[in-house]
PDB file of N, CA and C in Angstrom:
ATOM      1  N   UNK A   1     -61.301 -27.412  -6.278  1.00  0.00           N
ATOM      2  CA  UNK A   1     -62.405 -26.481  -6.291  1.00  0.00           C
ATOM      3  C   UNK A   1     -63.136 -26.627  -7.627  1.00  0.00           C
ATOM      4  N   UNK A   2     -64.448 -26.656  -7.546  1.00  0.00           N
ATOM      5  CA  UNK A   2     -65.295 -26.719  -8.738  1.00  0.00           C
ATOM      6  C   UNK A   2     -66.222 -25.514  -8.685  1.00  0.00           C
ATOM      7  N   UNK A   3     -66.394 -24.848  -9.829  1.00  0.00           N
ATOM      8  CA  UNK A   3     -67.246 -23.669  -9.908  1.00  0.00           C
ATOM      9  C   UNK A   3     -68.441 -23.930 -10.806  1.00  0.00           C
ATOM     10  N   UNK A   4     -69.578 -23.411 -10.403  1.00  0.00           N
ATOM     11  CA  UNK A   4     -70.760 -23.379 -11.262  1.00  0.00           C
ATOM     12  C   UNK A   4     -71.010 -21.914 -11.565  1.00  0.00           C
ATOM     13  N   UNK A   5     -71.076 -21.605 -12.854  1.00  0.00           N
ATOM     14  CA  UNK A   5     -71.298 -20.233 -13.287  1.00  0.00           C
ATOM     15  C   UNK A   5     -72.604 -20.210 -14.057  1.00  0.00           C
ATOM     16  N   UNK A   6     -73.554 -19.420 -13.567  1.00  0.00           N
ATOM     17  CA  UNK A   6     -74.862 -19.348 -14.203  1.00  0.00           C
ATOM     18  C   UNK A   6     -75.344 -17.911 -14.185  1.00  0.00           C
ATOM     19  N   UNK A   7     -75.467 -17.316 -15.361  1.00  0.00           N
ATOM     20  CA  UNK A   7     -76.018 -15.963 -15.506  1.00  0.00           C
ATOM     21  C   UNK A   7     -75.388 -14.950 -14.559  1.00  0.00           C
ATOM     22  N   UNK A   8     -74.094 -14.915 -14.525  1.00  0.00           N
ATOM     23  CA  UNK A   8     -73.403 -13.920 -13.718  1.00  0.00           C
ATOM     24  C   UNK A   8     -73.219 -14.299 -12.260  1.00  0.00           C
ATOM     25  N   UNK A   9     -73.634 -15.498 -11.871  1.00  0.00           N
ATOM     26  CA  UNK A   9     -73.439 -15.975 -10.500  1.00  0.00           C
ATOM     27  C   UNK A   9     -72.418 -17.096 -10.536  1.00  0.00           C
ATOM     28  N   UNK A  10     -71.388 -16.974  -9.728  1.00  0.00           N
ATOM     29  CA  UNK A  10     -70.354 -17.994  -9.643  1.00  0.00           C
ATOM     30  C   UNK A  10     -70.411 -18.611  -8.258  1.00  0.00           C
ATOM     31  N   UNK A  11     -70.659 -19.928  -8.202  1.00  0.00           N
ATOM     32  CA  UNK A  11     -70.726 -20.648  -6.936  1.00  0.00           C
ATOM     33  C   UNK A  11     -69.579 -21.639  -6.907  1.00  0.00           C
ATOM     34  N   UNK A  12     -68.804 -21.611  -5.834  1.00  0.00           N
ATOM     35  CA  UNK A  12     -67.650 -22.500  -5.697  1.00  0.00           C
ATOM     36  C   UNK A  12     -67.973 -23.642  -4.743  1.00  0.00           C
ATOM     37  N   UNK A  13     -67.522 -24.839  -5.118  1.00  0.00           N
ATOM     38  CA  UNK A  13     -67.725 -26.042  -4.333  1.00  0.00           C
ATOM     39  C   UNK A  13     -66.396 -26.758  -4.146  1.00  0.00           C
ATOM     40  N   UNK A  14     -66.236 -27.390  -2.996  1.00  0.00           N
ATOM     41  CA  UNK A  14     -65.163 -28.373  -2.873  1.00  0.00           C
ATOM     42  C   UNK A  14     -65.617 -29.597  -3.659  1.00  0.00           C
ATOM     43  N   UNK A  15     -64.729 -30.543  -3.879  1.00  0.00           N
ATOM     44  CA  UNK A  15     -65.117 -31.756  -4.602  1.00  0.00           C
ATOM     45  C   UNK A  15     -66.252 -32.481  -3.887  1.00  0.00           C
ATOM     46  N   UNK A  16     -66.164 -32.585  -2.567  1.00  0.00           N
ATOM     47  CA  UNK A  16     -67.211 -33.307  -1.833  1.00  0.00           C
ATOM     48  C   UNK A  16     -68.536 -32.537  -1.845  1.00  0.00           C
ATOM     49  N   UNK A  17     -68.492 -31.214  -1.744  1.00  0.00           N
ATOM     50  CA  UNK A  17     -69.717 -30.419  -1.837  1.00  0.00           C
ATOM     51  C   UNK A  17     -70.356 -30.575  -3.214  1.00  0.00           C
ATOM     52  N   UNK A  18     -69.532 -30.565  -4.249  1.00  0.00           N
ATOM     53  CA  UNK A  18     -70.040 -30.717  -5.603  1.00  0.00           C
ATOM     54  C   UNK A  18     -70.700 -32.085  -5.773  1.00  0.00           C
ATOM     55  N   UNK A  19     -70.048 -33.134  -5.294  1.00  0.00           N
ATOM     56  CA  UNK A  19     -70.620 -34.488  -5.389  1.00  0.00           C
ATOM     57  C   UNK A  19     -71.959 -34.553  -4.678  1.00  0.00           C
ATOM     58  N   UNK A  20     -72.061 -33.949  -3.516  1.00  0.00           N
ATOM     59  CA  UNK A  20     -73.325 -33.928  -2.773  1.00  0.00           C
ATOM     60  C   UNK A  20     -74.401 -33.170  -3.541  1.00  0.00           C
ATOM     61  N   UNK A  21     -74.031 -32.038  -4.128  1.00  0.00           N
ATOM     62  CA  UNK A  21     -74.976 -31.249  -4.920  1.00  0.00           C
ATOM     63  C   UNK A  21     -75.485 -32.059  -6.108  1.00  0.00           C
ATOM     64  N   UNK A  22     -74.589 -32.728  -6.800  1.00  0.00           N
ATOM     65  CA  UNK A  22     -74.983 -33.547  -7.947  1.00  0.00           C
ATOM     66  C   UNK A  22     -75.887 -34.689  -7.491  1.00  0.00           C
ATOM     67  N   UNK A  23     -75.537 -35.349  -6.393  1.00  0.00           N
ATOM     68  CA  UNK A  23     -76.360 -36.456  -5.887  1.00  0.00           C
ATOM     69  C   UNK A  23     -77.778 -35.998  -5.561  1.00  0.00           C
ATOM     70  N   UNK A  24     -77.897 -34.843  -4.937  1.00  0.00           N
ATOM     71  CA  UNK A  24     -79.213 -34.342  -4.525  1.00  0.00           C
ATOM     72  C   UNK A  24     -80.050 -33.894  -5.721  1.00  0.00           C
ATOM     73  N   UNK A  25     -79.414 -33.334  -6.745  1.00  0.00           N
ATOM     74  CA  UNK A  25     -80.155 -32.753  -7.868  1.00  0.00           C
ATOM     75  C   UNK A  25     -80.260 -33.675  -9.081  1.00  0.00           C
ATOM     76  N   UNK A  26     -79.520 -34.760  -9.091  1.00  0.00           N
ATOM     77  CA  UNK A  26     -79.393 -35.601 -10.278  1.00  0.00           C
ATOM     78  C   UNK A  26     -80.720 -36.100 -10.844  1.00  0.00           C
ATOM     79  N   UNK A  27     -81.667 -36.461  -9.996  1.00  0.00           N
ATOM     80  CA  UNK A  27     -82.918 -37.052 -10.471  1.00  0.00           C
ATOM     81  C   UNK A  27     -84.078 -36.070 -10.517  1.00  0.00           C
ATOM     82  N   UNK A  28     -83.798 -34.788 -10.400  1.00  0.00           N
ATOM     83  CA  UNK A  28     -84.872 -33.805 -10.461  1.00  0.00           C
ATOM     84  C   UNK A  28     -85.408 -33.697 -11.877  1.00  0.00           C
ATOM     85  N   UNK A  29     -86.717 -33.571 -11.989  1.00  0.00           N
ATOM     86  CA  UNK A  29     -87.367 -33.436 -13.289  1.00  0.00           C
ATOM     87  C   UNK A  29     -87.939 -32.023 -13.402  1.00  0.00           C
ATOM     88  N   UNK A  30     -87.639 -31.354 -14.496  1.00  0.00           N
ATOM     89  CA  UNK A  30     -88.067 -29.972 -14.727  1.00  0.00           C
ATOM     90  C   UNK A  30     -89.561 -29.808 -14.467  1.00  0.00           C
ATOM     91  N   UNK A  31     -90.363 -30.719 -15.010  1.00  0.00           N
ATOM     92  CA  UNK A  31     -91.821 -30.579 -14.922  1.00  0.00           C
ATOM     93  C   UNK A  31     -92.355 -30.717 -13.499  1.00  0.00           C
ATOM     94  N   UNK A  32     -91.600 -31.340 -12.617  1.00  0.00           N
ATOM     95  CA  UNK A  32     -92.043 -31.490 -11.229  1.00  0.00           C
ATOM     96  C   UNK A  32     -91.917 -30.192 -10.430  1.00  0.00           C
ATOM     97  N   UNK A  33     -91.158 -29.225 -10.942  1.00  0.00           N
ATOM     98  CA  UNK A  33     -90.891 -27.982 -10.210  1.00  0.00           C
ATOM     99  C   UNK A  33     -91.244 -26.742 -11.016  1.00  0.00           C
ATOM    100  N   UNK A  34     -92.043 -26.919 -12.017  1.00  0.00           N
ATOM    101  CA  UNK A  34     -92.386 -25.871 -12.971  1.00  0.00           C
ATOM    102  C   UNK A  34     -93.090 -24.684 -12.308  1.00  0.00           C
ATOM    103  N   UNK A  35     -92.621 -23.502 -12.643  1.00  0.00           N
ATOM    104  CA  UNK A  35     -93.234 -22.239 -12.227  1.00  0.00           C
ATOM    105  C   UNK A  35     -93.304 -21.348 -13.458  1.00  0.00           C
ATOM    106  N   UNK A  36     -93.942 -20.208 -13.317  1.00  0.00           N
ATOM    107  CA  UNK A  36     -93.980 -19.220 -14.399  1.00  0.00           C
ATOM    108  C   UNK A  36     -93.285 -17.957 -13.929  1.00  0.00           C
ATOM    109  N   UNK A  37     -92.433 -17.422 -14.794  1.00  0.00           N
ATOM    110  CA  UNK A  37     -91.793 -16.143 -14.496  1.00  0.00           C
ATOM    111  C   UNK A  37     -92.828 -15.039 -14.699  1.00  0.00           C
ATOM    112  N   UNK A  38     -92.532 -13.813 -14.294  1.00  0.00           N
ATOM    113  CA  UNK A  38     -93.492 -12.713 -14.482  1.00  0.00           C
ATOM    114  C   UNK A  38     -93.926 -12.519 -15.940  1.00  0.00           C
ATOM    115  N   UNK A  39     -93.043 -12.876 -16.896  1.00  0.00           N
ATOM    116  CA  UNK A  39     -93.418 -12.725 -18.307  1.00  0.00           C
ATOM    117  C   UNK A  39     -94.078 -13.987 -18.873  1.00  0.00           C
ATOM    118  N   UNK A  40     -94.345 -14.987 -18.034  1.00  0.00           N
ATOM    119  CA  UNK A  40     -95.037 -16.194 -18.466  1.00  0.00           C
ATOM    120  C   UNK A  40     -94.133 -17.322 -18.924  1.00  0.00           C
ATOM    121  N   UNK A  41     -92.832 -17.123 -18.924  1.00  0.00           N
ATOM    122  CA  UNK A  41     -91.886 -18.158 -19.328  1.00  0.00           C
ATOM    123  C   UNK A  41     -91.883 -19.284 -18.296  1.00  0.00           C
ATOM    124  N   UNK A  42     -91.883 -20.531 -18.780  1.00  0.00           N
ATOM    125  CA  UNK A  42     -91.775 -21.670 -17.872  1.00  0.00           C
ATOM    126  C   UNK A  42     -90.355 -21.727 -17.321  1.00  0.00           C
ATOM    127  N   UNK A  43     -90.235 -21.755 -16.003  1.00  0.00           N
ATOM    128  CA  UNK A  43     -88.932 -21.792 -15.346  1.00  0.00           C
ATOM    129  C   UNK A  43     -88.955 -22.769 -14.179  1.00  0.00           C
ATOM    130  N   UNK A  44     -87.772 -23.091 -13.699  1.00  0.00           N
ATOM    131  CA  UNK A  44     -87.595 -23.799 -12.442  1.00  0.00           C
ATOM    132  C   UNK A  44     -86.596 -22.991 -11.626  1.00  0.00           C
ATOM    133  N   UNK A  45     -86.892 -22.827 -10.336  1.00  0.00           N
ATOM    134  CA  UNK A  45     -85.986 -22.173  -9.407  1.00  0.00           C
ATOM    135  C   UNK A  45     -85.331 -23.274  -8.587  1.00  0.00           C
ATOM    136  N   UNK A  46     -84.010 -23.365  -8.676  1.00  0.00           N
ATOM    137  CA  UNK A  46     -83.252 -24.413  -7.996  1.00  0.00           C
ATOM    138  C   UNK A  46     -82.478 -23.809  -6.835  1.00  0.00           C
ATOM    139  N   UNK A  47     -82.783 -24.280  -5.631  1.00  0.00           N
ATOM    140  CA  UNK A  47     -82.048 -23.835  -4.451  1.00  0.00           C
ATOM    141  C   UNK A  47     -80.622 -24.375  -4.527  1.00  0.00           C
ATOM    142  N   UNK A  48     -79.701 -23.664  -3.918  1.00  0.00           N
ATOM    143  CA  UNK A  48     -78.307 -24.093  -3.840  1.00  0.00           C
ATOM    144  C   UNK A  48     -77.965 -24.319  -2.367  1.00  0.00           C
ATOM    145  N   UNK A  49     -76.790 -24.863  -2.085  1.00  0.00           N
ATOM    146  CA  UNK A  49     -76.394 -25.029  -0.684  1.00  0.00           C
ATOM    147  C   UNK A  49     -76.225 -23.699   0.060  1.00  0.00           C
ATOM    148  N   UNK A  50     -76.236 -22.618  -0.660  1.00  0.00           N
ATOM    149  CA  UNK A  50     -76.114 -21.290  -0.072  1.00  0.00           C
ATOM    150  C   UNK A  50     -77.521 -20.704   0.047  1.00  0.00           C
ATOM    151  N   UNK A  51     -78.055 -20.536   1.252  1.00  0.00           N
ATOM    152  CA  UNK A  51     -79.467 -20.198   1.449  1.00  0.00           C
ATOM    153  C   UNK A  51     -79.958 -18.962   0.694  1.00  0.00           C
ATOM    154  N   UNK A  52     -79.100 -18.011   0.453  1.00  0.00           N
ATOM    155  CA  UNK A  52     -79.526 -16.781  -0.215  1.00  0.00           C
ATOM    156  C   UNK A  52     -79.373 -16.831  -1.733  1.00  0.00           C
ATOM    157  N   UNK A  53     -78.932 -17.964  -2.277  1.00  0.00           N
ATOM    158  CA  UNK A  53     -78.699 -18.059  -3.712  1.00  0.00           C
ATOM    159  C   UNK A  53     -79.527 -19.192  -4.302  1.00  0.00           C
ATOM    160  N   UNK A  54     -80.361 -18.842  -5.272  1.00  0.00           N
ATOM    161  CA  UNK A  54     -81.106 -19.825  -6.061  1.00  0.00           C
ATOM    162  C   UNK A  54     -80.811 -19.556  -7.527  1.00  0.00           C
ATOM    163  N   UNK A  55     -80.851 -20.594  -8.326  1.00  0.00           N
ATOM    164  CA  UNK A  55     -80.613 -20.467  -9.760  1.00  0.00           C
ATOM    165  C   UNK A  55     -81.932 -20.652 -10.500  1.00  0.00           C
ATOM    166  N   UNK A  56     -82.140 -19.886 -11.563  1.00  0.00           N
ATOM    167  CA  UNK A  56     -83.373 -19.941 -12.344  1.00  0.00           C
ATOM    168  C   UNK A  56     -83.036 -20.460 -13.734  1.00  0.00           C
ATOM    169  N   UNK A  57     -83.841 -21.432 -14.210  1.00  0.00           N
ATOM    170  CA  UNK A  57     -83.587 -22.074 -15.492  1.00  0.00           C
ATOM    171  C   UNK A  57     -84.851 -22.140 -16.337  1.00  0.00           C
ATOM    172  N   UNK A  58     -84.687 -21.907 -17.633  1.00  0.00           N
ATOM    173  CA  UNK A  58     -85.715 -22.296 -18.588  1.00  0.00           C
ATOM    174  C   UNK A  58     -85.505 -23.787 -18.855  1.00  0.00           C
ATOM    175  N   UNK A  59     -86.403 -24.394 -19.591  1.00  0.00           N
ATOM    176  CA  UNK A  59     -86.279 -25.828 -19.878  1.00  0.00           C
ATOM    177  C   UNK A  59     -84.948 -26.141 -20.580  1.00  0.00           C
ATOM    178  N   UNK A  60     -84.604 -25.383 -21.602  1.00  0.00           N
ATOM    179  CA  UNK A  60     -83.358 -25.621 -22.339  1.00  0.00           C
ATOM    180  C   UNK A  60     -82.146 -25.437 -21.434  1.00  0.00           C
ATOM    181  N   UNK A  61     -82.145 -24.373 -20.639  1.00  0.00           N
ATOM    182  CA  UNK A  61     -81.034 -24.130 -19.719  1.00  0.00           C
ATOM    183  C   UNK A  61     -80.911 -25.251 -18.689  1.00  0.00           C
ATOM    184  N   UNK A  62     -82.043 -25.774 -18.237  1.00  0.00           N
ATOM    185  CA  UNK A  62     -82.072 -26.884 -17.277  1.00  0.00           C
ATOM    186  C   UNK A  62     -81.323 -28.091 -17.837  1.00  0.00           C
ATOM    187  N   UNK A  63     -81.674 -28.487 -19.062  1.00  0.00           N
ATOM    188  CA  UNK A  63     -81.033 -29.656 -19.659  1.00  0.00           C
ATOM    189  C   UNK A  63     -79.547 -29.402 -19.942  1.00  0.00           C
ATOM    190  N   UNK A  64     -79.208 -28.207 -20.367  1.00  0.00           N
ATOM    191  CA  UNK A  64     -77.798 -27.860 -20.578  1.00  0.00           C
ATOM    192  C   UNK A  64     -77.027 -27.877 -19.259  1.00  0.00           C
ATOM    193  N   UNK A  65     -77.643 -27.387 -18.190  1.00  0.00           N
ATOM    194  CA  UNK A  65     -77.009 -27.350 -16.877  1.00  0.00           C
ATOM    195  C   UNK A  65     -76.694 -28.768 -16.400  1.00  0.00           C
ATOM    196  N   UNK A  66     -77.665 -29.656 -16.500  1.00  0.00           N
ATOM    197  CA  UNK A  66     -77.437 -31.015 -16.009  1.00  0.00           C
ATOM    198  C   UNK A  66     -76.501 -31.803 -16.914  1.00  0.00           C
ATOM    199  N   UNK A  67     -76.452 -31.465 -18.178  1.00  0.00           N
ATOM    200  CA  UNK A  67     -75.458 -32.057 -19.072  1.00  0.00           C
ATOM    201  C   UNK A  67     -74.060 -31.614 -18.647  1.00  0.00           C
ATOM    202  N   UNK A  68     -73.926 -30.341 -18.305  1.00  0.00           N
ATOM    203  CA  UNK A  68     -72.633 -29.817 -17.843  1.00  0.00           C
ATOM    204  C   UNK A  68     -72.238 -30.439 -16.500  1.00  0.00           C
ATOM    205  N   UNK A  69     -73.210 -30.654 -15.602  1.00  0.00           N
ATOM    206  CA  UNK A  69     -72.909 -31.316 -14.332  1.00  0.00           C
ATOM    207  C   UNK A  69     -72.407 -32.737 -14.566  1.00  0.00           C
ATOM    208  N   UNK A  70     -73.029 -33.445 -15.492  1.00  0.00           N
ATOM    209  CA  UNK A  70     -72.589 -34.814 -15.802  1.00  0.00           C
ATOM    210  C   UNK A  70     -71.170 -34.804 -16.358  1.00  0.00           C
ATOM    211  N   UNK A  71     -70.871 -33.858 -17.228  1.00  0.00           N
ATOM    212  CA  UNK A  71     -69.525 -33.742 -17.783  1.00  0.00           C
ATOM    213  C   UNK A  71     -68.510 -33.396 -16.696  1.00  0.00           C
ATOM    214  N   UNK A  72     -68.879 -32.506 -15.800  1.00  0.00           N
ATOM    215  CA  UNK A  72     -67.981 -32.127 -14.700  1.00  0.00           C
ATOM    216  C   UNK A  72     -67.740 -33.312 -13.770  1.00  0.00           C
ATOM    217  N   UNK A  73     -68.763 -34.101 -13.523  1.00  0.00           N
ATOM    218  CA  UNK A  73     -68.620 -35.297 -12.686  1.00  0.00           C
ATOM    219  C   UNK A  73     -67.662 -36.284 -13.332  1.00  0.00           C
ATOM    220  N   UNK A  74     -67.783 -36.457 -14.633  1.00  0.00           N
ATOM    221  CA  UNK A  74     -66.887 -37.336 -15.384  1.00  0.00           C
ATOM    222  C   UNK A  74     -65.440 -36.838 -15.287  1.00  0.00           C
ATOM    223  N   UNK A  75     -65.248 -35.540 -15.479  1.00  0.00           N
ATOM    224  CA  UNK A  75     -63.905 -34.973 -15.408  1.00  0.00           C
ATOM    225  C   UNK A  75     -63.344 -35.062 -13.984  1.00  0.00           C
ATOM    226  N   UNK A  76     -64.207 -34.949 -12.992  1.00  0.00           N
ATOM    227  CA  UNK A  76     -63.777 -35.093 -11.604  1.00  0.00           C
ATOM    228  C   UNK A  76     -63.251 -36.507 -11.353  1.00  0.00           C
ATOM    229  N   UNK A  77     -63.894 -37.504 -11.920  1.00  0.00           N
ATOM    230  CA  UNK A  77     -63.428 -38.893 -11.785  1.00  0.00           C
ATOM    231  C   UNK A  77     -62.067 -39.082 -12.455  1.00  0.00           C
ATOM    232  N   UNK A  78     -61.894 -38.479 -13.612  1.00  0.00           N
ATOM    233  CA  UNK A  78     -60.596 -38.556 -14.297  1.00  0.00           C
ATOM    234  C   UNK A  78     -59.521 -37.884 -13.444  1.00  0.00           C
ATOM    235  N   UNK A  79     -59.839 -36.724 -12.889  1.00  0.00           N
ATOM    236  CA  UNK A  79     -58.901 -36.014 -12.013  1.00  0.00           C
ATOM    237  C   UNK A  79     -58.498 -36.896 -10.836  1.00  0.00           C
ATOM    238  N   UNK A  80     -59.478 -37.563 -10.233  1.00  0.00           N
ATOM    239  CA  UNK A  80     -59.188 -38.446  -9.099  1.00  0.00           C
ATOM    240  C   UNK A  80     -58.270 -39.602  -9.507  1.00  0.00           C
ATOM    241  N   UNK A  81     -58.523 -40.181 -10.679  1.00  0.00           N
ATOM    242  CA  UNK A  81     -57.687 -41.296 -11.141  1.00  0.00           C
ATOM    243  C   UNK A  81     -56.246 -40.849 -11.397  1.00  0.00           C
ATOM    244  N   UNK A  82     -56.101 -39.687 -11.998  1.00  0.00           N
ATOM    245  CA  UNK A  82     -54.777 -39.173 -12.333  1.00  0.00           C
ATOM    246  C   UNK A  82     -54.001 -38.806 -11.076  1.00  0.00           C
ATOM    247  N   UNK A  83     -54.692 -38.282 -10.078  1.00  0.00           N
ATOM    248  CA  UNK A  83     -54.026 -37.780  -8.875  1.00  0.00           C
ATOM    249  C   UNK A  83     -54.113 -38.727  -7.680  1.00  0.00           C
ATOM    250  N   UNK A  84     -54.474 -39.974  -7.924  1.00  0.00           N
ATOM    251  CA  UNK A  84     -54.525 -40.958  -6.832  1.00  0.00           C
ATOM    252  C   UNK A  84     -53.236 -41.726  -6.749  1.00  0.00           C
TER     253      UNK A  84
END
């Protein structure tokens, strides 16, 4: 089980669900999905595999999120090697 925790929302994925999520979102560019929040902050709203849950990111949070996904993917590969 892999969890994504963002601003008080915890989303759980199986390993295969997580891999699919990373594959689908890996090449997304912040500027291609740019919106403005009610206070004018530049944000991106990212849909999740759960239809009622979307995650909202500022530019800095976006880059930190995808850095964490890359690290989790790396650790998942190590887990697979150790447990194969």
